[in-house]
Amino acid sequence: MIFLRYSNTFIEANCYIIADEGTREALVVDPGAGAAGWVRDTLAAQNLHLGAVLCTHGHGDHVWDSAAVAGKAPVYIPEPDLYRLKNPAGYTFGHVNMFVQYSGHEWERPIGAVALPDEFYDDDGAEIVQGITIAAIAAPGHSEGSCVFTLTGRIAPDPQAARTPEGSFGSALMLSGDVLFRDGVGRTDLPGSDPQAAMRSLRHLATVIPPATIFFPGHGPSSTMGRELRHSPFLKDALG
């Protein structure tokens, strides 16, 4: 599996490119302000073609370049956050000038924006681009529509490959957006945030995500669910 990471974006939000090595059809995850140029150049260099864009939630630092990246391709976002694509900066205490500075353009709503279909919330998920199947788990709190996405695969070596944490193993992977970080969680003081919902989401994830699962967050380095269960004060608080 091709699984690449880029974070030279506004607020160092991680953007990922995921693709099956055979089909070469790419899924771009969370193209924030400043990601479009990297996505364009990397798709060309890797001989990949874009199949879809996935936004883990609707905050501006994760969606700002979605129109520039997607063109006419679908841009999937959890339904409760779809409204945010009207004006994403308006729901994150502004920062409009910084989004424009990092991206070089004003906000543009992607023409292919659509709510993530229900089939992705089934236990087995669904194929989002050829060769890549993901399953969504609703995890509201940071935003109403925040989700994590599980998938299975082994990451192919590449200078831009997303790094796995030391000591990790297996093929269970997760995109955690801003729900869960290494040693942290997404803030819950933004418009539409809900601290109590965030705690419930963390408790749920702690019970359904296997400890060996390697997760790749919206900001910062990867980790495993097991490590966070052992070391994260936020998960410990959520679990009581």
Protein backbone atom coordinates (compact mmCIF):
# COMPACT_ATOMS: atom_id res chain seq x y z
CA MET A 1 0.00 0.00 0.00
CA ILE A 2 1.21 3.49 -0.86
CA PHE A 3 0.69 5.67 2.21
CA LEU A 4 2.37 9.08 2.07
CA ARG A 5 2.30 12.00 4.52
CA TYR A 6 2.84 15.75 4.15
CA SER A 7 2.60 18.34 6.92
CA ASN A 8 4.04 21.58 5.53
CA THR A 9 0.60 23.14 5.74
CA PHE A 10 -1.21 25.66 7.90
CA ILE A 11 -1.03 24.50 11.55
CA GLU A 12 1.04 21.55 10.25
CA ALA A 13 -2.08 19.57 9.48
CA ASN A 14 -1.25 16.18 8.00
CA CYS A 15 -2.34 15.41 4.46
CA TYR A 16 -2.16 11.79 3.29
CA ILE A 17 -2.12 10.06 -0.08
CA ILE A 18 -3.21 6.43 0.03
CA ALA A 19 -3.30 4.09 -2.96
CA ASP A 20 -3.15 0.46 -3.93
CA GLU A 21 0.13 -0.25 -5.68
CA GLY A 22 -1.65 -2.15 -8.46
CA THR A 23 -4.59 0.11 -9.31
CA ARG A 24 -2.65 3.38 -8.77
CA GLU A 25 -5.92 5.15 -7.89
CA ALA A 26 -5.30 7.59 -5.05
CA LEU A 27 -7.31 8.70 -2.08
CA VAL A 28 -6.23 12.09 -0.71
CA VAL A 29 -7.07 12.62 2.95
CA ASP A 30 -7.41 16.06 4.58
CA PRO A 31 -5.89 18.42 1.99
CA GLY A 32 -5.41 21.48 4.18
CA ALA A 33 -4.11 24.92 3.25
CA GLY A 34 -0.84 24.45 1.41
CA ALA A 35 -1.31 20.79 0.44
CA ALA A 36 -2.46 21.14 -3.17
CA GLY A 37 0.96 21.62 -4.75
CA TRP A 38 2.41 18.62 -2.94
CA VAL A 39 -0.55 16.47 -3.93
CA ARG A 40 -0.28 17.47 -7.59
CA ASP A 41 3.46 16.89 -7.78
CA THR A 42 3.37 13.64 -5.82
CA LEU A 43 0.55 12.10 -7.84
CA ALA A 44 2.54 12.82 -10.99
CA ALA A 45 5.83 11.55 -9.57
CA GLN A 46 4.22 8.34 -8.27
CA ASN A 47 2.24 7.73 -11.47
CA LEU A 48 -1.03 7.90 -9.53
CA HIS A 49 -4.41 9.23 -10.59
CA LEU A 50 -6.85 10.82 -8.18
CA GLY A 51 -9.95 8.84 -7.31
CA ALA A 52 -11.42 10.74 -4.37
CA VAL A 53 -10.77 13.10 -1.48
CA LEU A 54 -11.74 12.27 2.11
CA CYS A 55 -12.03 14.86 4.86
CA THR A 56 -12.01 13.45 8.37
CA HIS A 57 -13.98 16.50 9.53
CA GLY A 58 -14.87 19.98 8.34
CA HIS A 59 -12.34 22.34 9.92
CA GLY A 60 -10.49 24.65 7.56
CA ASP A 61 -7.03 23.24 8.24
CA HIS A 62 -8.23 19.90 6.87
CA VAL A 63 -10.38 20.96 3.91
CA TRP A 64 -9.03 24.25 2.55
CA ASP A 65 -7.34 22.85 -0.56
CA SER A 66 -10.01 20.22 -1.24
CA ALA A 67 -11.41 21.98 -4.31
CA ALA A 68 -7.96 22.60 -5.78
CA VAL A 69 -7.03 18.96 -5.27
CA ALA A 70 -10.29 17.31 -6.29
CA GLY A 71 -11.41 19.14 -9.38
CA LYS A 72 -14.51 17.14 -10.37
CA ALA A 73 -13.66 14.12 -8.18
CA PRO A 74 -15.85 13.38 -5.15
CA VAL A 75 -14.96 14.98 -1.83
CA TYR A 76 -16.38 12.86 0.97
CA ILE A 77 -17.04 14.31 4.40
CA PRO A 78 -19.15 13.01 7.30
CA GLU A 79 -22.68 14.36 6.90
CA PRO A 80 -22.85 16.32 10.20
CA ASP A 81 -19.88 18.44 9.04
CA LEU A 82 -21.04 18.96 5.45
CA TYR A 83 -22.48 22.37 6.33
CA ARG A 84 -19.01 23.56 7.30
CA LEU A 85 -17.90 23.52 3.66
CA LYS A 86 -19.92 26.68 3.11
CA ASN A 87 -17.36 28.65 5.13
CA PRO A 88 -14.92 26.46 7.08
CA ALA A 89 -12.87 29.34 8.48
CA GLY A 90 -16.00 30.70 10.11
CA TYR A 91 -16.13 27.73 12.47
CA THR A 92 -12.49 27.81 13.65
CA PHE A 93 -12.12 31.30 15.10
CA GLY A 94 -11.29 32.80 11.73
CA HIS A 95 -7.66 32.66 10.53
CA VAL A 96 -8.90 33.47 7.01
CA ASN A 97 -5.78 35.46 6.17
CA MET A 98 -3.53 32.61 7.26
CA PHE A 99 -5.46 30.07 5.20
CA VAL A 100 -5.10 32.31 2.17
CA GLN A 101 -1.41 32.95 2.87
CA TYR A 102 -0.58 29.24 3.07
CA SER A 103 -2.73 28.18 0.14
CA GLY A 104 -2.52 31.18 -2.18
CA HIS A 105 -6.29 31.27 -2.68
CA GLU A 106 -9.59 32.14 -1.06
CA TRP A 107 -11.97 29.41 0.07
CA GLU A 108 -13.69 27.53 -2.72
CA ARG A 109 -16.31 24.89 -2.00
CA PRO A 110 -15.47 21.69 -3.90
CA ILE A 111 -18.03 20.94 -6.59
CA GLY A 112 -17.95 17.23 -5.74
CA ALA A 113 -18.60 17.67 -2.02
CA VAL A 114 -20.92 14.95 -0.75
CA ALA A 115 -21.82 13.35 2.56
CA LEU A 116 -19.96 10.12 3.19
CA PRO A 117 -22.39 7.33 2.18
CA ASP A 118 -23.91 5.16 4.90
CA GLU A 119 -22.21 2.01 3.60
CA PHE A 120 -18.88 3.23 4.96
CA TYR A 121 -20.28 3.03 8.50
CA ASP A 122 -20.89 -0.71 8.17
CA ASP A 123 -18.43 -2.93 10.04
CA ASP A 124 -16.75 -4.02 6.81
CA GLY A 125 -16.76 -0.52 5.31
CA ALA A 126 -16.64 -0.02 1.55
CA GLU A 127 -14.18 0.55 -1.25
CA ILE A 128 -13.56 4.30 -1.54
CA VAL A 129 -11.10 4.07 -4.46
CA GLN A 130 -10.03 0.97 -6.34
CA GLY A 131 -8.14 -1.33 -4.00
CA ILE A 132 -8.67 0.73 -0.82
CA THR A 133 -11.46 -0.17 1.58
CA ILE A 134 -12.18 1.95 4.63
CA ALA A 135 -14.67 1.78 7.48
CA ALA A 136 -15.88 4.90 9.28
CA ILE A 137 -16.55 5.13 13.01
CA ALA A 138 -18.38 8.23 14.15
CA ALA A 139 -16.44 9.98 16.91
CA PRO A 140 -18.10 13.37 17.54
CA GLY A 141 -16.77 15.89 20.00
CA HIS A 142 -14.03 17.88 18.26
CA SER A 143 -16.71 18.58 15.67
CA GLU A 144 -20.17 17.14 15.17
CA GLY A 145 -19.07 14.96 12.26
CA SER A 146 -15.61 13.91 13.37
CA CYS A 147 -14.85 10.30 12.44
CA VAL A 148 -11.99 7.87 12.47
CA PHE A 149 -11.41 5.55 9.53
CA THR A 150 -9.98 2.05 9.72
CA LEU A 151 -8.24 0.19 6.92
CA THR A 152 -5.86 -2.71 6.45
CA GLY A 153 -2.54 -2.81 4.65
CA ARG A 154 1.21 -2.77 4.84
CA ILE A 155 2.88 0.51 4.00
CA ALA A 156 5.37 0.33 1.15
CA PRO A 157 8.81 1.91 1.73
CA ASP A 158 9.09 5.41 0.32
CA PRO A 159 10.95 8.59 1.39
CA GLN A 160 7.57 10.27 1.88
CA ALA A 161 5.83 7.29 3.49
CA ALA A 162 3.99 7.95 6.72
CA ARG A 163 6.24 6.70 9.49
CA THR A 164 4.99 4.03 11.83
CA PRO A 165 5.82 4.25 15.53
CA GLU A 166 8.71 2.29 16.99
CA GLY A 167 7.71 -1.19 18.04
CA SER A 168 4.48 -1.24 16.03
CA PHE A 169 3.46 -4.26 14.00
CA GLY A 170 0.63 -5.68 11.94
CA SER A 171 -1.56 -4.30 9.19
CA ALA A 172 -4.41 -2.67 11.15
CA LEU A 173 -4.35 1.06 10.38
CA MET A 174 -6.51 4.03 11.31
CA LEU A 175 -6.87 7.64 10.24
CA SER A 176 -7.82 9.43 13.45
CA GLY A 177 -8.27 13.01 12.21
CA ASP A 178 -8.36 15.35 15.19
CA VAL A 179 -10.09 12.83 17.44
CA LEU A 180 -6.90 11.28 18.78
CA PHE A 181 -3.25 12.32 18.63
CA ARG A 182 -0.09 10.88 20.08
CA ASP A 183 -0.30 12.15 23.68
CA GLY A 184 -3.30 14.32 22.91
CA VAL A 185 -6.80 14.83 21.58
CA GLY A 186 -8.58 17.47 19.53
CA ARG A 187 -9.70 20.62 21.30
CA THR A 188 -13.33 20.94 22.30
CA ASP A 189 -13.71 24.70 22.69
CA LEU A 190 -14.53 25.45 19.03
CA PRO A 191 -17.97 26.19 17.59
CA GLY A 192 -19.83 22.90 17.35
CA SER A 193 -17.49 21.09 19.75
CA ASP A 194 -18.89 19.03 22.61
CA PRO A 195 -16.56 17.96 25.45
CA GLN A 196 -18.95 15.32 26.77
CA ALA A 197 -19.40 13.80 23.31
CA ALA A 198 -15.63 13.74 22.88
CA MET A 199 -15.24 11.76 26.12
CA ARG A 200 -17.89 9.27 24.98
CA SER A 201 -16.13 8.91 21.63
CA LEU A 202 -12.80 8.19 23.30
CA ARG A 203 -14.38 5.57 25.56
CA HIS A 204 -15.98 3.91 22.54
CA LEU A 205 -12.75 3.86 20.53
CA ALA A 206 -10.86 2.41 23.48
CA THR A 207 -13.22 -0.57 23.43
CA VAL A 208 -13.50 -1.21 19.67
CA ILE A 209 -10.04 -0.39 18.28
CA PRO A 210 -7.47 -3.17 18.85
CA PRO A 211 -4.37 -2.05 20.76
CA ALA A 212 -2.00 -2.94 17.92
CA THR A 213 -3.79 -0.57 15.51
CA ILE A 214 -1.41 2.05 14.11
CA PHE A 215 -3.13 5.40 13.78
CA PHE A 216 -2.23 8.42 11.72
CA PRO A 217 -3.62 11.66 13.16
CA GLY A 218 -4.56 15.03 11.73
CA HIS A 219 -1.53 16.61 13.41
CA GLY A 220 1.74 15.18 14.63
CA PRO A 221 3.29 11.71 14.46
CA SER A 222 1.65 8.29 14.39
CA SER A 223 1.05 6.11 17.41
CA THR A 224 -0.80 2.95 18.36
CA MET A 225 -4.00 2.57 20.29
CA GLY A 226 -2.15 0.44 22.83
CA ARG A 227 0.44 3.10 23.48
CA GLU A 228 -2.19 5.76 24.04
CA LEU A 229 -4.16 3.50 26.37
CA ARG A 230 -0.99 3.18 28.45
CA HIS A 231 0.28 6.73 28.31
CA SER A 232 -2.42 9.22 27.27
CA PRO A 233 -3.90 11.12 30.23
CA PHE A 234 -6.86 11.99 28.01
CA LEU A 235 -7.78 8.37 27.39
CA LYS A 236 -7.23 7.56 31.05
CA ASP A 237 -9.61 10.39 32.01
CA ALA A 238 -12.20 9.19 29.50
CA LEU A 239 -12.04 5.66 30.84
CA GLY A 240 -12.36 6.86 34.43
